[in-house]
N, C-alpha and C. Protein backbone atom coordinates (compact mmCIF):
# COMPACT_ATOMS: atom_id res chain seq x y z
N MET A 1 70.91 144.95 121.62
CA MET A 1 71.45 143.90 122.49
C MET A 1 70.84 144.10 123.89
N ALA A 2 70.17 143.09 124.37
CA ALA A 2 69.47 143.16 125.64
C ALA A 2 70.40 143.01 126.83
N ASP A 3 71.49 142.27 126.67
CA ASP A 3 72.38 142.03 127.81
C ASP A 3 73.83 142.21 127.36
N LEU A 4 74.32 143.41 127.55
CA LEU A 4 75.72 143.70 127.11
C LEU A 4 76.72 142.88 127.88
N GLY A 5 76.47 142.63 129.17
CA GLY A 5 77.38 141.81 129.98
C GLY A 5 77.55 140.43 129.41
N ALA A 6 76.43 139.85 128.97
CA ALA A 6 76.51 138.49 128.34
C ALA A 6 77.31 138.52 127.07
N LEU A 7 77.12 139.57 126.29
CA LEU A 7 77.88 139.71 125.04
C LEU A 7 79.37 139.86 125.33
N ALA A 8 79.71 140.63 126.36
CA ALA A 8 81.13 140.87 126.72
C ALA A 8 81.79 139.60 127.22
N THR A 9 81.04 138.73 127.87
CA THR A 9 81.70 137.54 128.49
C THR A 9 81.52 136.29 127.66
N ASP A 10 80.60 136.27 126.70
CA ASP A 10 80.33 135.05 125.97
C ASP A 10 80.13 135.33 124.49
N THR A 11 81.21 135.68 123.80
CA THR A 11 81.10 135.95 122.37
C THR A 11 82.28 135.33 121.69
N HIS A 12 82.27 135.37 120.38
CA HIS A 12 83.39 134.77 119.63
C HIS A 12 84.59 135.73 119.64
N LYS A 13 85.78 135.20 119.30
CA LYS A 13 87.01 135.93 119.41
C LYS A 13 87.03 137.24 118.64
N PHE A 14 86.40 137.24 117.48
CA PHE A 14 86.41 138.43 116.63
C PHE A 14 85.83 139.67 117.33
N GLU A 15 84.78 139.48 118.13
CA GLU A 15 84.12 140.60 118.80
C GLU A 15 84.44 140.62 120.31
N SER A 16 85.40 139.88 120.75
CA SER A 16 85.63 139.74 122.20
C SER A 16 85.96 141.03 122.93
N ARG A 17 86.60 142.00 122.28
CA ARG A 17 86.97 143.25 122.94
C ARG A 17 86.24 144.47 122.28
N TYR A 18 85.26 144.20 121.43
CA TYR A 18 84.55 145.25 120.69
C TYR A 18 83.87 146.25 121.63
N LEU A 19 83.27 145.79 122.71
CA LEU A 19 82.56 146.68 123.59
C LEU A 19 83.43 147.53 124.49
N ASP A 20 84.70 147.21 124.58
CA ASP A 20 85.63 148.01 125.39
C ASP A 20 85.64 149.48 124.97
N SER A 21 85.59 149.74 123.67
CA SER A 21 85.63 151.12 123.17
C SER A 21 84.26 151.78 123.19
N LEU A 22 83.19 150.98 123.18
CA LEU A 22 81.81 151.52 123.19
C LEU A 22 81.27 151.71 124.60
N VAL A 23 81.54 150.79 125.51
CA VAL A 23 80.99 150.83 126.85
C VAL A 23 82.06 151.01 127.91
N GLY A 24 83.15 150.26 127.81
CA GLY A 24 84.23 150.28 128.75
C GLY A 24 84.77 148.89 128.92
N PRO A 25 85.94 148.77 129.56
CA PRO A 25 86.54 147.44 129.74
C PRO A 25 85.73 146.62 130.72
N TRP A 26 85.56 145.33 130.38
CA TRP A 26 84.87 144.38 131.24
C TRP A 26 85.90 143.69 132.13
N PRO A 27 85.70 143.51 133.39
CA PRO A 27 84.50 143.77 134.20
C PRO A 27 84.55 145.12 134.94
N GLU A 28 85.59 145.91 134.70
CA GLU A 28 85.74 147.16 135.41
C GLU A 28 84.52 148.08 135.22
N ALA A 29 83.93 148.06 134.06
CA ALA A 29 82.78 148.92 133.72
C ALA A 29 81.44 148.21 133.85
N LYS A 30 81.40 147.20 134.71
CA LYS A 30 80.14 146.39 134.85
C LYS A 30 78.93 147.26 135.14
N ALA A 31 79.05 148.27 135.97
CA ALA A 31 77.92 149.15 136.30
C ALA A 31 77.37 149.83 135.04
N THR A 32 78.25 150.24 134.15
CA THR A 32 77.80 150.87 132.89
C THR A 32 77.13 149.85 131.99
N TYR A 33 77.66 148.66 131.93
CA TYR A 33 77.04 147.59 131.13
C TYR A 33 75.61 147.33 131.65
N ASP A 34 75.47 147.23 132.97
CA ASP A 34 74.15 147.00 133.56
C ASP A 34 73.17 148.14 133.26
N GLU A 35 73.64 149.34 133.38
CA GLU A 35 72.80 150.54 133.14
C GLU A 35 72.32 150.55 131.68
N ARG A 36 73.19 150.16 130.76
CA ARG A 36 72.86 150.20 129.35
C ARG A 36 72.12 148.92 128.87
N SER A 37 71.98 147.98 129.75
CA SER A 37 71.25 146.78 129.41
C SER A 37 69.89 146.80 130.09
N ARG A 38 69.22 147.90 130.01
CA ARG A 38 67.94 148.08 130.71
C ARG A 38 66.94 146.99 130.38
N ALA A 39 66.90 146.53 129.13
CA ALA A 39 65.91 145.59 128.75
C ALA A 39 65.95 144.30 129.61
N ILE A 40 67.13 143.87 129.98
CA ILE A 40 67.29 142.64 130.73
C ILE A 40 67.46 142.94 132.26
N GLN A 41 68.07 144.05 132.59
CA GLN A 41 68.39 144.35 133.99
C GLN A 41 67.23 145.06 134.73
N HIS A 42 66.30 145.65 134.00
CA HIS A 42 65.27 146.48 134.66
C HIS A 42 63.87 146.15 134.17
N VAL A 43 63.58 144.91 133.92
CA VAL A 43 62.24 144.50 133.42
C VAL A 43 61.14 144.83 134.41
N ASP A 44 61.45 144.91 135.71
CA ASP A 44 60.45 145.20 136.70
C ASP A 44 59.90 146.64 136.56
N GLY A 45 60.61 147.50 135.86
CA GLY A 45 60.17 148.90 135.66
C GLY A 45 59.36 149.10 134.41
N PHE A 46 59.18 148.07 133.58
CA PHE A 46 58.41 148.22 132.32
C PHE A 46 56.96 148.39 132.64
N ASP A 47 56.31 149.30 131.95
CA ASP A 47 54.87 149.44 132.09
C ASP A 47 54.18 149.30 130.74
N GLU A 48 54.93 148.94 129.75
CA GLU A 48 54.42 148.71 128.37
C GLU A 48 55.02 147.38 127.85
N PRO A 49 54.38 146.72 126.90
CA PRO A 49 54.94 145.49 126.32
C PRO A 49 56.24 145.74 125.65
N LEU A 50 57.10 144.75 125.58
CA LEU A 50 58.38 144.81 124.90
C LEU A 50 58.46 143.67 123.89
N LEU A 51 58.74 144.00 122.65
CA LEU A 51 58.90 142.97 121.62
C LEU A 51 60.37 142.66 121.46
N VAL A 52 60.73 141.43 121.55
CA VAL A 52 62.13 140.98 121.39
C VAL A 52 62.16 140.05 120.21
N LEU A 53 63.02 140.34 119.22
CA LEU A 53 63.14 139.54 118.02
C LEU A 53 64.50 138.85 117.95
N GLN A 54 64.56 137.66 117.38
CA GLN A 54 65.77 136.87 117.23
C GLN A 54 65.77 136.21 115.87
N GLY A 55 66.84 136.38 115.15
CA GLY A 55 66.93 135.72 113.81
C GLY A 55 67.17 134.24 113.93
N ASP A 56 66.44 133.45 113.20
CA ASP A 56 66.57 131.99 113.23
C ASP A 56 67.88 131.49 112.60
N GLU A 57 68.44 132.27 111.72
CA GLU A 57 69.65 131.82 110.99
C GLU A 57 70.94 132.50 111.48
N ASP A 58 70.88 133.23 112.58
CA ASP A 58 72.07 133.89 113.12
C ASP A 58 72.97 132.86 113.77
N GLU A 59 74.16 132.67 113.23
CA GLU A 59 75.07 131.63 113.70
C GLU A 59 75.91 132.10 114.89
N VAL A 60 75.90 133.39 115.20
CA VAL A 60 76.68 133.92 116.31
C VAL A 60 75.85 134.08 117.56
N ALA A 61 74.72 134.77 117.47
CA ALA A 61 73.84 135.00 118.59
C ALA A 61 72.66 134.00 118.51
N LEU A 62 72.90 132.80 119.03
CA LEU A 62 71.90 131.77 118.95
C LEU A 62 70.74 132.04 119.90
N PRO A 63 69.52 131.72 119.48
CA PRO A 63 68.39 131.87 120.40
C PRO A 63 68.53 130.88 121.57
N PRO A 64 67.94 131.24 122.70
CA PRO A 64 68.01 130.33 123.88
C PRO A 64 67.26 129.04 123.57
N PRO A 65 67.64 127.96 124.22
CA PRO A 65 66.91 126.70 124.00
C PRO A 65 65.46 126.81 124.44
N SER A 66 64.58 126.09 123.75
CA SER A 66 63.17 126.09 124.11
C SER A 66 62.97 125.42 125.42
N PRO A 67 62.03 125.96 126.29
CA PRO A 67 61.76 125.30 127.54
C PRO A 67 61.08 123.95 127.29
N ARG A 68 61.35 123.00 128.13
CA ARG A 68 60.77 121.66 127.89
C ARG A 68 59.74 121.35 128.93
């Protein structure tokens, strides 16, 4: 998961509190979420390519809309 904060704030009801036990309660643990979301929060520090994959048939984590 590239952005744990996005998952914590915008997910379906079944997983809505799942990260509380893994990361901490949202938004109180926002600093921990940011630290553990390095792929999205710290892209300026990358010095190697990063491959990001998204399933076309995933009904929960939809890919972002294509730029127009």
